[in-house]
Amino acid sequence: MAIIVMTWQNPSDQVKAVSSDKRAAEWRNVVLKQKGIVEYNAFSGISTGKDMAVDTFRSSEDAAAFLGSKDFSAIVSEMRSLGVTEIDVNILDQHPDVKSALRPA
């Protein structure tokens, strides 16, 4: 299991923020069609003001393939063109000492 954690700052310009929010539904649909996707979750940053998406993949290979894909590149490019800033992406693999959730949902 591997996850991609992506954080970003939404545009301060209200028109761009609304446009970005409208496009987000389509970006999520693209993510949900990726090979190996297990779960998608999103969070709003109450303390940081940054939002976050957490994409869980079956393997780090599947997660890395998505990050290297034209789909991911197009999403990030469009986010930037709409004024989204501080985009940060990390891929994390399952820790060897904790091979599955200790208290699963």
PDB file of N, CA and C in Angstrom:
ATOM      1  N   MET A   1       0.842  -1.166   0.000  1.00  0.00           N
ATOM      2  CA  MET A   1       0.000   0.000   0.000  1.00  0.00           C
ATOM      3  C   MET A   1       0.893   1.237   0.000  1.00  0.00           C
ATOM      4  N   ALA A   2       0.493   2.249  -0.743  1.00  0.00           N
ATOM      5  CA  ALA A   2       1.217   3.516  -0.794  1.00  0.00           C
ATOM      6  C   ALA A   2       0.198   4.639  -0.901  1.00  0.00           C
ATOM      7  N   ILE A   3       0.594   5.819  -0.422  1.00  0.00           N
ATOM      8  CA  ILE A   3      -0.302   6.961  -0.545  1.00  0.00           C
ATOM      9  C   ILE A   3       0.430   8.136  -1.179  1.00  0.00           C
ATOM     10  N   ILE A   4      -0.357   8.925  -1.864  1.00  0.00           N
ATOM     11  CA  ILE A   4       0.102  10.208  -2.367  1.00  0.00           C
ATOM     12  C   ILE A   4      -0.614  11.256  -1.527  1.00  0.00           C
ATOM     13  N   VAL A   5       0.153  12.141  -0.934  1.00  0.00           N
ATOM     14  CA  VAL A   5      -0.409  13.249  -0.165  1.00  0.00           C
ATOM     15  C   VAL A   5      -0.090  14.523  -0.934  1.00  0.00           C
ATOM     16  N   MET A   6      -1.139  15.223  -1.337  1.00  0.00           N
ATOM     17  CA  MET A   6      -0.978  16.453  -2.100  1.00  0.00           C
ATOM     18  C   MET A   6      -1.639  17.581  -1.331  1.00  0.00           C
ATOM     19  N   THR A   7      -0.903  18.659  -1.117  1.00  0.00           N
ATOM     20  CA  THR A   7      -1.463  19.830  -0.448  1.00  0.00           C
ATOM     21  C   THR A   7      -1.343  21.031  -1.378  1.00  0.00           C
ATOM     22  N   TRP A   8      -2.213  22.020  -1.164  1.00  0.00           N
ATOM     23  CA  TRP A   8      -2.208  23.212  -1.996  1.00  0.00           C
ATOM     24  C   TRP A   8      -2.936  24.350  -1.294  1.00  0.00           C
ATOM     25  N   GLN A   9      -2.686  25.548  -1.796  1.00  0.00           N
ATOM     26  CA  GLN A   9      -3.364  26.753  -1.318  1.00  0.00           C
ATOM     27  C   GLN A   9      -4.303  27.209  -2.432  1.00  0.00           C
ATOM     28  N   ASN A  10      -5.569  27.319  -2.120  1.00  0.00           N
ATOM     29  CA  ASN A  10      -6.538  27.771  -3.118  1.00  0.00           C
ATOM     30  C   ASN A  10      -6.312  29.238  -3.457  1.00  0.00           C
ATOM     31  N   PRO A  11      -6.736  29.651  -4.653  1.00  0.00           N
ATOM     32  CA  PRO A  11      -6.542  31.044  -5.059  1.00  0.00           C
ATOM     33  C   PRO A  11      -7.272  32.018  -4.128  1.00  0.00           C
ATOM     34  N   SER A  12      -6.645  33.165  -3.880  1.00  0.00           N
ATOM     35  CA  SER A  12      -7.312  34.183  -3.068  1.00  0.00           C
ATOM     36  C   SER A  12      -8.340  34.943  -3.902  1.00  0.00           C
ATOM     37  N   ASP A  13      -8.149  34.984  -5.208  1.00  0.00           N
ATOM     38  CA  ASP A  13      -9.106  35.600  -6.112  1.00  0.00           C
ATOM     39  C   ASP A  13     -10.370  34.732  -6.149  1.00  0.00           C
ATOM     40  N   GLN A  14     -11.500  35.306  -5.791  1.00  0.00           N
ATOM     41  CA  GLN A  14     -12.749  34.542  -5.654  1.00  0.00           C
ATOM     42  C   GLN A  14     -13.199  33.888  -6.960  1.00  0.00           C
ATOM     43  N   VAL A  15     -13.050  34.569  -8.076  1.00  0.00           N
ATOM     44  CA  VAL A  15     -13.454  34.010  -9.371  1.00  0.00           C
ATOM     45  C   VAL A  15     -12.611  32.777  -9.694  1.00  0.00           C
ATOM     46  N   LYS A  16     -11.298  32.882  -9.486  1.00  0.00           N
ATOM     47  CA  LYS A  16     -10.413  31.745  -9.738  1.00  0.00           C
ATOM     48  C   LYS A  16     -10.689  30.610  -8.749  1.00  0.00           C
ATOM     49  N   ALA A  17     -11.002  30.943  -7.509  1.00  0.00           N
ATOM     50  CA  ALA A  17     -11.304  29.916  -6.505  1.00  0.00           C
ATOM     51  C   ALA A  17     -12.554  29.136  -6.893  1.00  0.00           C
ATOM     52  N   VAL A  18     -13.579  29.823  -7.376  1.00  0.00           N
ATOM     53  CA  VAL A  18     -14.816  29.156  -7.808  1.00  0.00           C
ATOM     54  C   VAL A  18     -14.528  28.262  -9.013  1.00  0.00           C
ATOM     55  N   SER A  19     -13.734  28.764  -9.962  1.00  0.00           N
ATOM     56  CA  SER A  19     -13.378  27.960 -11.140  1.00  0.00           C
ATOM     57  C   SER A  19     -12.600  26.711 -10.734  1.00  0.00           C
ATOM     58  N   SER A  20     -11.670  26.880  -9.818  1.00  0.00           N
ATOM     59  CA  SER A  20     -10.870  25.755  -9.336  1.00  0.00           C
ATOM     60  C   SER A  20     -11.754  24.714  -8.652  1.00  0.00           C
ATOM     61  N   ASP A  21     -12.683  25.170  -7.820  1.00  0.00           N
ATOM     62  CA  ASP A  21     -13.591  24.248  -7.132  1.00  0.00           C
ATOM     63  C   ASP A  21     -14.449  23.466  -8.123  1.00  0.00           C
ATOM     64  N   LYS A  22     -14.901  24.135  -9.176  1.00  0.00           N
ATOM     65  CA  LYS A  22     -15.722  23.456 -10.197  1.00  0.00           C
ATOM     66  C   LYS A  22     -14.910  22.388 -10.919  1.00  0.00           C
ATOM     67  N   ARG A  23     -13.653  22.697 -11.225  1.00  0.00           N
ATOM     68  CA  ARG A  23     -12.790  21.738 -11.927  1.00  0.00           C
ATOM     69  C   ARG A  23     -12.377  20.570 -11.036  1.00  0.00           C
ATOM     70  N   ALA A  24     -12.363  20.790  -9.731  1.00  0.00           N
ATOM     71  CA  ALA A  24     -11.900  19.754  -8.798  1.00  0.00           C
ATOM     72  C   ALA A  24     -12.697  18.458  -8.942  1.00  0.00           C
ATOM     73  N   ALA A  25     -13.987  18.542  -9.196  1.00  0.00           N
ATOM     74  CA  ALA A  25     -14.797  17.331  -9.365  1.00  0.00           C
ATOM     75  C   ALA A  25     -14.281  16.501 -10.545  1.00  0.00           C
ATOM     76  N   GLU A  26     -13.904  17.172 -11.621  1.00  0.00           N
ATOM     77  CA  GLU A  26     -13.376  16.446 -12.784  1.00  0.00           C
ATOM     78  C   GLU A  26     -11.981  15.887 -12.492  1.00  0.00           C
ATOM     79  N   TRP A  27     -11.165  16.639 -11.749  1.00  0.00           N
ATOM     80  CA  TRP A  27      -9.839  16.130 -11.382  1.00  0.00           C
ATOM     81  C   TRP A  27      -9.976  14.874 -10.527  1.00  0.00           C
ATOM     82  N   ARG A  28     -10.927  14.874  -9.589  1.00  0.00           N
ATOM     83  CA  ARG A  28     -11.146  13.681  -8.753  1.00  0.00           C
ATOM     84  C   ARG A  28     -11.544  12.492  -9.611  1.00  0.00           C
ATOM     85  N   ASN A  29     -12.397  12.707 -10.610  1.00  0.00           N
ATOM     86  CA  ASN A  29     -12.805  11.609 -11.492  1.00  0.00           C
ATOM     87  C   ASN A  29     -11.611  11.016 -12.225  1.00  0.00           C
ATOM     88  N   VAL A  30     -10.663  11.857 -12.615  1.00  0.00           N
ATOM     89  CA  VAL A  30      -9.449  11.369 -13.279  1.00  0.00           C
ATOM     90  C   VAL A  30      -8.652  10.495 -12.311  1.00  0.00           C
ATOM     91  N   VAL A  31      -8.497  10.953 -11.078  1.00  0.00           N
ATOM     92  CA  VAL A  31      -7.750  10.178 -10.075  1.00  0.00           C
ATOM     93  C   VAL A  31      -8.423   8.835  -9.840  1.00  0.00           C
ATOM     94  N   LEU A  32      -9.741   8.837  -9.731  1.00  0.00           N
ATOM     95  CA  LEU A  32     -10.471   7.598  -9.426  1.00  0.00           C
ATOM     96  C   LEU A  32     -10.399   6.557 -10.543  1.00  0.00           C
ATOM     97  N   LYS A  33      -9.954   6.951 -11.723  1.00  0.00           N
ATOM     98  CA  LYS A  33      -9.817   6.017 -12.848  1.00  0.00           C
ATOM     99  C   LYS A  33      -8.414   5.436 -12.965  1.00  0.00           C
ATOM    100  N   GLN A  34      -7.515   5.833 -12.075  1.00  0.00           N
ATOM    101  CA  GLN A  34      -6.124   5.386 -12.176  1.00  0.00           C
ATOM    102  C   GLN A  34      -5.971   3.928 -11.753  1.00  0.00           C
ATOM    103  N   LYS A  35      -5.028   3.272 -12.392  1.00  0.00           N
ATOM    104  CA  LYS A  35      -4.717   1.878 -12.060  1.00  0.00           C
ATOM    105  C   LYS A  35      -4.233   1.801 -10.607  1.00  0.00           C
ATOM    106  N   GLY A  36      -4.800   0.888  -9.854  1.00  0.00           N
ATOM    107  CA  GLY A  36      -4.344   0.615  -8.502  1.00  0.00           C
ATOM    108  C   GLY A  36      -4.931   1.508  -7.427  1.00  0.00           C
ATOM    109  N   ILE A  37      -5.809   2.462  -7.800  1.00  0.00           N
ATOM    110  CA  ILE A  37      -6.386   3.343  -6.782  1.00  0.00           C
ATOM    111  C   ILE A  37      -7.317   2.528  -5.874  1.00  0.00           C
ATOM    112  N   VAL A  38      -7.154   2.698  -4.580  1.00  0.00           N
ATOM    113  CA  VAL A  38      -7.958   1.986  -3.588  1.00  0.00           C
ATOM    114  C   VAL A  38      -8.943   2.941  -2.924  1.00  0.00           C
ATOM    115  N   GLU A  39      -8.450   4.146  -2.621  1.00  0.00           N
ATOM    116  CA  GLU A  39      -9.276   5.104  -1.881  1.00  0.00           C
ATOM    117  C   GLU A  39      -8.811   6.521  -2.186  1.00  0.00           C
ATOM    118  N   TYR A  40      -9.775   7.439  -2.207  1.00  0.00           N
ATOM    119  CA  TYR A  40      -9.473   8.859  -2.360  1.00  0.00           C
ATOM    120  C   TYR A  40     -10.133   9.575  -1.194  1.00  0.00           C
ATOM    121  N   ASN A  41      -9.410  10.508  -0.601  1.00  0.00           N
ATOM    122  CA  ASN A  41      -9.970  11.297   0.489  1.00  0.00           C
ATOM    123  C   ASN A  41      -9.448  12.715   0.359  1.00  0.00           C
ATOM    124  N   ALA A  42     -10.202  13.681   0.861  1.00  0.00           N
ATOM    125  CA  ALA A  42      -9.783  15.079   0.811  1.00  0.00           C
ATOM    126  C   ALA A  42     -10.111  15.756   2.133  1.00  0.00           C
ATOM    127  N   PHE A  43      -9.281  16.730   2.475  1.00  0.00           N
ATOM    128  CA  PHE A  43      -9.427  17.430   3.744  1.00  0.00           C
ATOM    129  C   PHE A  43      -9.217  18.922   3.527  1.00  0.00           C
ATOM    130  N   SER A  44      -9.910  19.724   4.316  1.00  0.00           N
ATOM    131  CA  SER A  44      -9.704  21.169   4.331  1.00  0.00           C
ATOM    132  C   SER A  44      -8.856  21.513   5.540  1.00  0.00           C
ATOM    133  N   GLY A  45      -7.846  22.332   5.326  1.00  0.00           N
ATOM    134  CA  GLY A  45      -6.922  22.681   6.410  1.00  0.00           C
ATOM    135  C   GLY A  45      -7.463  23.776   7.301  1.00  0.00           C
ATOM    136  N   ILE A  46      -7.991  23.399   8.420  1.00  0.00           N
ATOM    137  CA  ILE A  46      -8.559  24.365   9.350  1.00  0.00           C
ATOM    138  C   ILE A  46      -7.478  25.274   9.905  1.00  0.00           C
ATOM    139  N   SER A  47      -6.345  24.718  10.292  1.00  0.00           N
ATOM    140  CA  SER A  47      -5.294  25.531  10.912  1.00  0.00           C
ATOM    141  C   SER A  47      -4.310  26.114   9.904  1.00  0.00           C
ATOM    142  N   THR A  48      -4.127  25.448   8.758  1.00  0.00           N
ATOM    143  CA  THR A  48      -3.127  25.906   7.792  1.00  0.00           C
ATOM    144  C   THR A  48      -3.720  26.686   6.627  1.00  0.00           C
ATOM    145  N   GLY A  49      -4.995  26.500   6.368  1.00  0.00           N
ATOM    146  CA  GLY A  49      -5.616  27.125   5.205  1.00  0.00           C
ATOM    147  C   GLY A  49      -5.326  26.388   3.912  1.00  0.00           C
ATOM    148  N   LYS A  50      -4.518  25.337   3.996  1.00  0.00           N
ATOM    149  CA  LYS A  50      -4.206  24.537   2.816  1.00  0.00           C
ATOM    150  C   LYS A  50      -5.131  23.324   2.784  1.00  0.00           C
ATOM    151  N   ASP A  51      -5.527  22.928   1.579  1.00  0.00           N
ATOM    152  CA  ASP A  51      -6.323  21.722   1.422  1.00  0.00           C
ATOM    153  C   ASP A  51      -5.406  20.550   1.098  1.00  0.00           C
ATOM    154  N   MET A  52      -5.958  19.330   1.248  1.00  0.00           N
ATOM    155  CA  MET A  52      -5.148  18.131   1.073  1.00  0.00           C
ATOM    156  C   MET A  52      -5.979  17.024   0.430  1.00  0.00           C
ATOM    157  N   ALA A  53      -5.352  16.309  -0.488  1.00  0.00           N
ATOM    158  CA  ALA A  53      -5.931  15.087  -1.042  1.00  0.00           C
ATOM    159  C   ALA A  53      -5.007  13.936  -0.667  1.00  0.00           C
ATOM    160  N   VAL A  54      -5.595  12.817  -0.288  1.00  0.00           N
ATOM    161  CA  VAL A  54      -4.839  11.621   0.055  1.00  0.00           C
ATOM    162  C   VAL A  54      -5.358  10.492  -0.827  1.00  0.00           C
ATOM    163  N   ASP A  55      -4.496  10.038  -1.731  1.00  0.00           N
ATOM    164  CA  ASP A  55      -4.846   8.966  -2.668  1.00  0.00           C
ATOM    165  C   ASP A  55      -4.125   7.701  -2.235  1.00  0.00           C
ATOM    166  N   THR A  56      -4.882   6.659  -1.944  1.00  0.00           N
ATOM    167  CA  THR A  56      -4.294   5.388  -1.536  1.00  0.00           C
ATOM    168  C   THR A  56      -4.243   4.452  -2.743  1.00  0.00           C
ATOM    169  N   PHE A  57      -3.065   3.902  -2.990  1.00  0.00           N
ATOM    170  CA  PHE A  57      -2.862   2.974  -4.103  1.00  0.00           C
ATOM    171  C   PHE A  57      -2.440   1.609  -3.572  1.00  0.00           C
ATOM    172  N   ARG A  58      -2.697   0.577  -4.365  1.00  0.00           N
ATOM    173  CA  ARG A  58      -2.301  -0.794  -3.990  1.00  0.00           C
ATOM    174  C   ARG A  58      -0.806  -0.920  -3.807  1.00  0.00           C
ATOM    175  N   SER A  59      -0.040  -0.180  -4.607  1.00  0.00           N
ATOM    176  CA  SER A  59       1.424  -0.322  -4.537  1.00  0.00           C
ATOM    177  C   SER A  59       2.097   1.018  -4.818  1.00  0.00           C
ATOM    178  N   SER A  60       3.355   1.110  -4.414  1.00  0.00           N
ATOM    179  CA  SER A  60       4.115   2.328  -4.706  1.00  0.00           C
ATOM    180  C   SER A  60       4.360   2.453  -6.211  1.00  0.00           C
ATOM    181  N   GLU A  61       4.417   1.342  -6.916  1.00  0.00           N
ATOM    182  CA  GLU A  61       4.581   1.383  -8.363  1.00  0.00           C
ATOM    183  C   GLU A  61       3.372   2.044  -9.030  1.00  0.00           C
ATOM    184  N   ASP A  62       2.156   1.678  -8.581  1.00  0.00           N
ATOM    185  CA  ASP A  62       0.941   2.282  -9.134  1.00  0.00           C
ATOM    186  C   ASP A  62       0.893   3.771  -8.810  1.00  0.00           C
ATOM    187  N   ALA A  63       1.246   4.131  -7.584  1.00  0.00           N
ATOM    188  CA  ALA A  63       1.240   5.539  -7.175  1.00  0.00           C
ATOM    189  C   ALA A  63       2.257   6.342  -7.991  1.00  0.00           C
ATOM    190  N   ALA A  64       3.452   5.789  -8.149  1.00  0.00           N
ATOM    191  CA  ALA A  64       4.494   6.473  -8.916  1.00  0.00           C
ATOM    192  C   ALA A  64       4.098   6.611 -10.389  1.00  0.00           C
ATOM    193  N   ALA A  65       3.430   5.589 -10.922  1.00  0.00           N
ATOM    194  CA  ALA A  65       2.978   5.659 -12.314  1.00  0.00           C
ATOM    195  C   ALA A  65       1.987   6.806 -12.498  1.00  0.00           C
ATOM    196  N   PHE A  66       1.100   6.991 -11.538  1.00  0.00           N
ATOM    197  CA  PHE A  66       0.156   8.102 -11.628  1.00  0.00           C
ATOM    198  C   PHE A  66       0.898   9.433 -11.570  1.00  0.00           C
ATOM    199  N   LEU A  67       1.842   9.582 -10.645  1.00  0.00           N
ATOM    200  CA  LEU A  67       2.585  10.841 -10.539  1.00  0.00           C
ATOM    201  C   LEU A  67       3.366  11.152 -11.815  1.00  0.00           C
ATOM    202  N   GLY A  68       3.768  10.135 -12.540  1.00  0.00           N
ATOM    203  CA  GLY A  68       4.506  10.343 -13.781  1.00  0.00           C
ATOM    204  C   GLY A  68       3.628  10.412 -15.018  1.00  0.00           C
ATOM    205  N   SER A  69       2.321  10.375 -14.827  1.00  0.00           N
ATOM    206  CA  SER A  69       1.398  10.302 -15.962  1.00  0.00           C
ATOM    207  C   SER A  69       1.043  11.669 -16.543  1.00  0.00           C
ATOM    208  N   LYS A  70       0.548  11.641 -17.769  1.00  0.00           N
ATOM    209  CA  LYS A  70       0.041  12.855 -18.410  1.00  0.00           C
ATOM    210  C   LYS A  70      -1.183  13.376 -17.653  1.00  0.00           C
ATOM    211  N   ASP A  71      -1.983  12.467 -17.092  1.00  0.00           N
ATOM    212  CA  ASP A  71      -3.161  12.878 -16.320  1.00  0.00           C
ATOM    213  C   ASP A  71      -2.757  13.758 -15.137  1.00  0.00           C
ATOM    214  N   PHE A  72      -1.764  13.316 -14.381  1.00  0.00           N
ATOM    215  CA  PHE A  72      -1.336  14.084 -13.207  1.00  0.00           C
ATOM    216  C   PHE A  72      -0.732  15.419 -13.641  1.00  0.00           C
ATOM    217  N   SER A  73       0.088  15.382 -14.659  1.00  0.00           N
ATOM    218  CA  SER A  73       0.703  16.606 -15.162  1.00  0.00           C
ATOM    219  C   SER A  73      -0.360  17.612 -15.607  1.00  0.00           C
ATOM    220  N   ALA A  74      -1.396  17.135 -16.271  1.00  0.00           N
ATOM    221  CA  ALA A  74      -2.465  18.021 -16.741  1.00  0.00           C
ATOM    222  C   ALA A  74      -3.231  18.631 -15.568  1.00  0.00           C
ATOM    223  N   ILE A  75      -3.480  17.837 -14.528  1.00  0.00           N
ATOM    224  CA  ILE A  75      -4.184  18.350 -13.351  1.00  0.00           C
ATOM    225  C   ILE A  75      -3.374  19.470 -12.702  1.00  0.00           C
ATOM    226  N   VAL A  76      -2.095  19.222 -12.454  1.00  0.00           N
ATOM    227  CA  VAL A  76      -1.251  20.217 -11.787  1.00  0.00           C
ATOM    228  C   VAL A  76      -1.123  21.471 -12.652  1.00  0.00           C
ATOM    229  N   SER A  77      -0.958  21.290 -13.937  1.00  0.00           N
ATOM    230  CA  SER A  77      -0.843  22.429 -14.854  1.00  0.00           C
ATOM    231  C   SER A  77      -2.109  23.281 -14.812  1.00  0.00           C
ATOM    232  N   GLU A  78      -3.246  22.640 -14.834  1.00  0.00           N
ATOM    233  CA  GLU A  78      -4.506  23.379 -14.791  1.00  0.00           C
ATOM    234  C   GLU A  78      -4.706  24.046 -13.430  1.00  0.00           C
ATOM    235  N   MET A  79      -4.334  23.365 -12.361  1.00  0.00           N
ATOM    236  CA  MET A  79      -4.422  23.985 -11.035  1.00  0.00           C
ATOM    237  C   MET A  79      -3.622  25.287 -11.011  1.00  0.00           C
ATOM    238  N   ARG A  80      -2.404  25.223 -11.513  1.00  0.00           N
ATOM    239  CA  ARG A  80      -1.545  26.416 -11.526  1.00  0.00           C
ATOM    240  C   ARG A  80      -2.152  27.533 -12.372  1.00  0.00           C
ATOM    241  N   SER A  81      -2.703  27.158 -13.535  1.00  0.00           N
ATOM    242  CA  SER A  81      -3.288  28.180 -14.410  1.00  0.00           C
ATOM    243  C   SER A  81      -4.504  28.850 -13.770  1.00  0.00           C
ATOM    244  N   LEU A  82      -5.147  28.174 -12.827  1.00  0.00           N
ATOM    245  CA  LEU A  82      -6.298  28.739 -12.126  1.00  0.00           C
ATOM    246  C   LEU A  82      -5.893  29.476 -10.853  1.00  0.00           C
ATOM    247  N   GLY A  83      -4.592  29.569 -10.595  1.00  0.00           N
ATOM    248  CA  GLY A  83      -4.123  30.343  -9.452  1.00  0.00           C
ATOM    249  C   GLY A  83      -3.886  29.557  -8.178  1.00  0.00           C
ATOM    250  N   VAL A  84      -3.949  28.231  -8.248  1.00  0.00           N
ATOM    251  CA  VAL A  84      -3.643  27.406  -7.080  1.00  0.00           C
ATOM    252  C   VAL A  84      -2.134  27.482  -6.850  1.00  0.00           C
ATOM    253  N   THR A  85      -1.726  27.677  -5.609  1.00  0.00           N
ATOM    254  CA  THR A  85      -0.304  27.826  -5.277  1.00  0.00           C
ATOM    255  C   THR A  85       0.110  26.829  -4.203  1.00  0.00           C
ATOM    256  N   GLU A  86       1.379  26.846  -3.884  1.00  0.00           N
ATOM    257  CA  GLU A  86       1.959  26.008  -2.827  1.00  0.00           C
ATOM    258  C   GLU A  86       1.587  24.525  -2.989  1.00  0.00           C
ATOM    259  N   ILE A  87       1.610  24.057  -4.227  1.00  0.00           N
ATOM    260  CA  ILE A  87       1.297  22.654  -4.506  1.00  0.00           C
ATOM    261  C   ILE A  87       2.491  21.809  -4.066  1.00  0.00           C
ATOM    262  N   ASP A  88       2.233  20.862  -3.201  1.00  0.00           N
ATOM    263  CA  ASP A  88       3.277  19.986  -2.680  1.00  0.00           C
ATOM    264  C   ASP A  88       2.777  18.547  -2.768  1.00  0.00           C
ATOM    265  N   VAL A  89       3.605  17.657  -3.285  1.00  0.00           N
ATOM    266  CA  VAL A  89       3.205  16.266  -3.486  1.00  0.00           C
ATOM    267  C   VAL A  89       4.249  15.341  -2.880  1.00  0.00           C
ATOM    268  N   ASN A  90       3.770  14.384  -2.083  1.00  0.00           N
ATOM    269  CA  ASN A  90       4.653  13.381  -1.480  1.00  0.00           C
ATOM    270  C   ASN A  90       4.050  12.001  -1.687  1.00  0.00           C
ATOM    271  N   ILE A  91       4.918  11.035  -1.911  1.00  0.00           N
ATOM    272  CA  ILE A  91       4.481   9.641  -1.999  1.00  0.00           C
ATOM    273  C   ILE A  91       5.093   8.911  -0.807  1.00  0.00           C
ATOM    274  N   LEU A  92       4.268   8.165  -0.117  1.00  0.00           N
ATOM    275  CA  LEU A  92       4.719   7.428   1.069  1.00  0.00           C
ATOM    276  C   LEU A  92       4.321   5.967   0.925  1.00  0.00           C
ATOM    277  N   ASP A  93       5.238   5.093   1.297  1.00  0.00           N
ATOM    278  CA  ASP A  93       4.994   3.652   1.235  1.00  0.00           C
ATOM    279  C   ASP A  93       4.619   3.158   2.630  1.00  0.00           C
ATOM    280  N   GLN A  94       3.960   2.024   2.683  1.00  0.00           N
ATOM    281  CA  GLN A  94       3.580   1.428   3.968  1.00  0.00           C
ATOM    282  C   GLN A  94       4.827   1.191   4.816  1.00  0.00           C
ATOM    283  N   HIS A  95       4.775   1.572   6.070  1.00  0.00           N
ATOM    284  CA  HIS A  95       5.914   1.388   6.976  1.00  0.00           C
ATOM    285  C   HIS A  95       6.092  -0.105   7.254  1.00  0.00           C
ATOM    286  N   PRO A  96       7.319  -0.622   7.231  1.00  0.00           N
ATOM    287  CA  PRO A  96       7.531  -2.058   7.421  1.00  0.00           C
ATOM    288  C   PRO A  96       7.104  -2.569   8.800  1.00  0.00           C
ATOM    289  N   ASP A  97       7.072  -1.705   9.814  1.00  0.00           N
ATOM    290  CA  ASP A  97       6.658  -2.138  11.149  1.00  0.00           C
ATOM    291  C   ASP A  97       5.143  -2.118  11.335  1.00  0.00           C
ATOM    292  N   VAL A  98       4.440  -1.448  10.446  1.00  0.00           N
ATOM    293  CA  VAL A  98       2.970  -1.352  10.548  1.00  0.00           C
ATOM    294  C   VAL A  98       2.427  -1.645   9.155  1.00  0.00           C
ATOM    295  N   LYS A  99       2.242  -2.928   8.861  1.00  0.00           N
ATOM    296  CA  LYS A  99       1.902  -3.358   7.510  1.00  0.00           C
ATOM    297  C   LYS A  99       0.443  -3.142   7.125  1.00  0.00           C
ATOM    298  N   SER A 100      -0.398  -2.812   8.101  1.00  0.00           N
ATOM    299  CA  SER A 100      -1.790  -2.476   7.834  1.00  0.00           C
ATOM    300  C   SER A 100      -2.298  -1.583   8.966  1.00  0.00           C
ATOM    301  N   ALA A 101      -3.444  -0.974   8.735  1.00  0.00           N
ATOM    302  CA  ALA A 101      -3.989  -0.061   9.737  1.00  0.00           C
ATOM    303  C   ALA A 101      -4.184  -0.781  11.075  1.00  0.00           C
ATOM    304  N   LEU A 102      -3.775  -0.125  12.142  1.00  0.00           N
ATOM    305  CA  LEU A 102      -3.922  -0.719  13.472  1.00  0.00           C
ATOM    306  C   LEU A 102      -5.355  -0.585  14.001  1.00  0.00           C
ATOM    307  N   ARG A 103      -6.033   0.425  13.545  1.00  0.00           N
ATOM    308  CA  ARG A 103      -7.427   0.623  13.927  1.00  0.00           C
ATOM    309  C   ARG A 103      -8.181   1.035  12.664  1.00  0.00           C
ATOM    310  N   PRO A 104      -8.468   0.055  11.785  1.00  0.00           N
ATOM    311  CA  PRO A 104      -9.088   0.391  10.499  1.00  0.00           C
ATOM    312  C   PRO A 104     -10.483   0.974  10.669  1.00  0.00           C
ATOM    313  N   ALA A 105     -10.877   1.767   9.692  1.00  0.00           N
ATOM    314  CA  ALA A 105     -12.202   2.406   9.719  1.00  0.00           C
ATOM    315  C   ALA A 105     -13.314   1.375   9.745  1.00  0.00           C
TER     316      ALA A 105
END
